[in-house]
Amino acid sequence: NEPIPSQSACPEVRMRGTPMDPGDPRLLFDDTSAGGDRHGHSGVGKGPDVYPGQALLSDPMSNLAMVYGSSLASHGREMMDKNLDRFIPISKLKYYFAVDTVYVGKKLGLLVFPFMHDNWEVSYQQDTPVAPRFDINAPDLYIPLMGFITYILVAGLALGTQNRGTVF
C-alpha cells in the first residue's frame, strides 16, 4: 500500500468563493465560476448555488426566444402535416397497418402453408373492406415492410461481419 501524500505535497487547494489575485497565471486554468464579482457586473443570477445555464434561462429575452421558436416549430409541423396528407393520405395508409400479433401470426402461417387455406375472398362491411386484423385475406403493408427492414438489417449484419460493407 502506498502512503497517502501529505497536504504539502499536493498543489495548493483553494476553496470556492475565495478571492484570487487577478495577476496570478493560474487564474486562466482554475475554476473561477463561483468567484466574487471582480469586474463590477450586476451579477444577475449569480450566487453560491447557481448552475451555469440558470442565468440564461432566467433572462426574459431567452424566454421570448423559446416561445417564438416553439410557436414557429408548431406552425411548421401543422403545415407539414397538412401538405404531407395531400401527397400521402395518412388516413388511407393507416388501414394497411391496422394489424395485431394474432393477425401477423396467422398471415405468416398462411404464407408458409398456402395450401391449407380454403377461402381467399376479402370480407366487406358496407362496401368497405374489413381491417386486416379482422380478416386474414385483407391486404396489408405491415408484413412486407417488416420483411424489407429485416432483409436490410440481416444483409448489413452479414456484410459487416465479412468486412465487405461500407457506410457510404
Protein backbone atom coordinates (compact mmCIF):
# COMPACT_ATOMS: atom_id res chain seq x y z
CA ASN A 1 0.00 0.00 0.00
CA GLU A 2 1.27 3.42 -0.93
CA PRO A 3 1.29 6.12 1.71
CA ILE A 4 -1.23 8.91 1.29
CA PRO A 5 0.54 12.08 0.17
CA SER A 6 0.53 14.86 2.68
CA GLN A 7 -1.25 18.17 2.16
CA SER A 8 2.08 19.90 1.45
CA ALA A 9 2.87 17.53 -1.45
CA CYS A 10 -0.42 18.37 -3.23
CA PRO A 11 -0.83 21.58 -5.21
CA GLU A 12 -2.35 24.47 -3.34
CA VAL A 13 -6.03 23.83 -2.71
CA ARG A 14 -8.33 26.82 -2.95
CA MET A 15 -11.85 26.84 -1.60
CA ARG A 16 -14.65 28.07 -3.87
CA GLY A 17 -15.51 31.71 -3.46
CA THR A 18 -12.15 32.75 -2.05
CA PRO A 19 -10.71 35.81 -3.81
CA MET A 20 -7.63 35.39 -6.01
CA ASP A 21 -5.03 37.79 -7.30
CA PRO A 22 -6.06 38.77 -10.89
CA GLY A 23 -2.40 38.77 -11.93
CA ASP A 24 -1.98 35.12 -10.97
CA PRO A 25 -1.33 32.97 -14.11
CA ARG A 26 -3.39 30.10 -12.60
CA LEU A 27 -6.48 32.28 -12.99
CA LEU A 28 -6.74 31.17 -16.63
CA PHE A 29 -6.91 27.49 -15.72
CA ASP A 30 -8.55 27.26 -12.29
CA ASP A 31 -12.30 27.19 -11.76
CA THR A 32 -13.34 30.78 -11.11
CA SER A 33 -17.06 30.32 -11.75
CA ALA A 34 -18.03 30.80 -8.10
CA GLY A 35 -15.65 33.71 -7.53
CA GLY A 36 -16.78 37.13 -6.38
CA ASP A 37 -17.84 39.98 -8.62
CA ARG A 38 -14.46 41.42 -9.61
CA HIS A 39 -15.49 43.26 -12.74
CA GLY A 40 -18.37 45.34 -11.40
CA HIS A 41 -21.18 43.42 -13.14
CA SER A 42 -24.58 43.30 -11.53
CA GLY A 43 -24.33 39.52 -11.12
CA VAL A 44 -27.78 38.60 -12.43
CA GLY A 45 -28.38 35.00 -11.44
CA LYS A 46 -25.06 34.74 -9.61
CA GLY A 47 -24.99 33.14 -6.23
CA PRO A 48 -23.45 30.31 -4.30
CA ASP A 49 -25.83 27.64 -5.63
CA VAL A 50 -26.34 28.87 -9.21
CA TYR A 51 -25.82 26.50 -12.12
CA PRO A 52 -24.11 27.66 -15.34
CA GLY A 53 -27.28 27.68 -17.53
CA GLN A 54 -29.57 29.11 -14.87
CA ALA A 55 -28.80 32.75 -15.64
CA LEU A 56 -29.58 32.13 -19.32
CA LEU A 57 -32.98 30.62 -18.53
CA SER A 58 -33.97 33.46 -16.24
CA ASP A 59 -33.25 36.06 -18.95
CA PRO A 60 -36.52 37.47 -20.42
CA MET A 61 -35.09 37.55 -23.95
CA SER A 62 -34.28 33.84 -23.84
CA ASN A 63 -37.83 33.11 -22.68
CA LEU A 64 -39.16 35.17 -25.59
CA ALA A 65 -36.88 33.31 -28.00
CA MET A 66 -38.03 29.95 -26.63
CA VAL A 67 -41.71 30.87 -27.03
CA TYR A 68 -41.11 32.18 -30.56
CA GLY A 69 -39.13 29.09 -31.52
CA SER A 70 -41.75 26.69 -30.20
CA SER A 71 -44.57 28.56 -31.98
CA LEU A 72 -42.54 28.52 -35.20
CA ALA A 73 -41.93 24.78 -34.83
CA SER A 74 -45.61 24.04 -34.16
CA HIS A 75 -46.64 26.14 -37.17
CA GLY A 76 -44.14 24.26 -39.36
CA ARG A 77 -45.42 20.93 -38.07
CA GLU A 78 -49.04 21.87 -38.86
CA MET A 79 -48.07 22.97 -42.37
CA MET A 80 -46.07 19.78 -42.95
CA ASP A 81 -48.93 17.57 -41.71
CA LYS A 82 -51.40 19.38 -43.98
CA ASN A 83 -49.19 19.20 -47.06
CA LEU A 84 -47.99 15.65 -46.37
CA ASP A 85 -51.59 14.46 -46.17
CA ARG A 86 -52.16 15.95 -49.62
CA PHE A 87 -49.45 13.76 -51.20
CA ILE A 88 -49.60 10.70 -48.93
CA PRO A 89 -53.07 10.16 -47.46
CA ILE A 90 -52.19 9.01 -43.95
CA SER A 91 -55.77 8.04 -43.11
CA LYS A 92 -55.87 5.61 -46.05
CA LEU A 93 -52.40 4.32 -45.23
CA LYS A 94 -53.43 3.52 -41.65
CA TYR A 95 -55.81 0.86 -42.98
CA TYR A 96 -52.90 -1.21 -44.31
CA PHE A 97 -51.09 -1.15 -40.95
CA ALA A 98 -54.10 -1.98 -38.74
CA VAL A 99 -52.77 -5.37 -37.64
CA ASP A 100 -52.17 -7.15 -34.35
CA THR A 101 -49.95 -10.04 -33.31
CA VAL A 102 -52.63 -12.68 -33.85
CA TYR A 103 -53.16 -11.46 -37.43
CA VAL A 104 -49.40 -11.44 -38.12
CA GLY A 105 -49.06 -14.99 -36.81
CA LYS A 106 -51.98 -16.24 -38.91
CA LYS A 107 -50.79 -14.38 -42.01
CA LEU A 108 -47.25 -15.77 -41.69
CA GLY A 109 -48.78 -19.22 -41.31
CA LEU A 110 -50.81 -18.57 -44.48
CA LEU A 111 -47.65 -17.51 -46.33
CA VAL A 112 -45.78 -20.64 -45.25
CA PHE A 113 -48.68 -23.06 -45.77
CA PRO A 114 -50.92 -21.57 -48.51
CA PHE A 115 -52.33 -24.97 -49.49
CA MET A 116 -54.05 -25.25 -46.06
CA HIS A 117 -56.27 -22.21 -46.72
CA ASP A 118 -59.64 -22.57 -48.49
CA ASN A 119 -61.42 -19.18 -48.53
CA TRP A 120 -59.42 -16.47 -50.33
CA GLU A 121 -62.12 -13.77 -50.55
CA VAL A 122 -61.71 -10.42 -48.83
CA SER A 123 -64.56 -9.62 -46.41
CA TYR A 124 -66.50 -6.36 -46.81
CA GLN A 125 -68.64 -4.37 -44.43
CA GLN A 126 -70.93 -1.86 -46.16
CA ASP A 127 -68.83 -1.52 -49.33
CA THR A 128 -65.54 -1.07 -47.47
CA PRO A 129 -63.05 -3.84 -46.86
CA VAL A 130 -62.65 -5.06 -43.29
CA ALA A 131 -59.43 -4.07 -41.50
CA PRO A 132 -56.61 -6.62 -41.78
CA ARG A 133 -56.72 -7.50 -38.09
CA PHE A 134 -60.25 -8.87 -38.60
CA ASP A 135 -59.72 -10.61 -41.97
CA ILE A 136 -56.68 -12.70 -42.82
CA ASN A 137 -57.30 -12.19 -46.55
CA ALA A 138 -57.23 -8.38 -46.34
CA PRO A 139 -54.18 -6.74 -47.90
CA ASP A 140 -51.66 -5.23 -45.51
CA LEU A 141 -48.32 -3.44 -45.74
CA TYR A 142 -47.01 -4.34 -42.31
CA ILE A 143 -45.60 -7.75 -43.21
CA PRO A 144 -43.89 -6.61 -46.45
CA LEU A 145 -42.39 -3.57 -44.70
CA MET A 146 -41.10 -5.63 -41.78
CA GLY A 147 -39.71 -8.19 -44.25
CA PHE A 148 -37.85 -5.44 -46.12
CA ILE A 149 -36.45 -3.94 -42.91
CA THR A 150 -35.38 -7.40 -41.73
CA TYR A 151 -33.65 -8.02 -45.07
CA ILE A 152 -31.74 -4.73 -44.81
CA LEU A 153 -30.64 -5.49 -41.23
CA VAL A 154 -29.58 -9.08 -41.98
CA ALA A 155 -27.75 -8.04 -45.16
CA GLY A 156 -25.95 -5.29 -43.23
CA LEU A 157 -25.02 -7.73 -40.48
CA ALA A 158 -23.75 -10.32 -42.98
CA LEU A 159 -21.70 -7.78 -44.93
CA GLY A 160 -20.42 -6.16 -41.74
CA THR A 161 -19.17 -9.44 -40.29
CA GLN A 162 -17.33 -10.17 -43.56
CA ASN A 163 -15.78 -6.65 -43.57
CA ARG A 164 -17.26 -6.04 -47.04
CA GLY A 165 -19.73 -3.35 -46.08
CA THR A 166 -19.13 0.35 -46.41
CA VAL A 167 -21.03 3.13 -44.72
CA PHE A 168 -21.34 5.30 -47.82
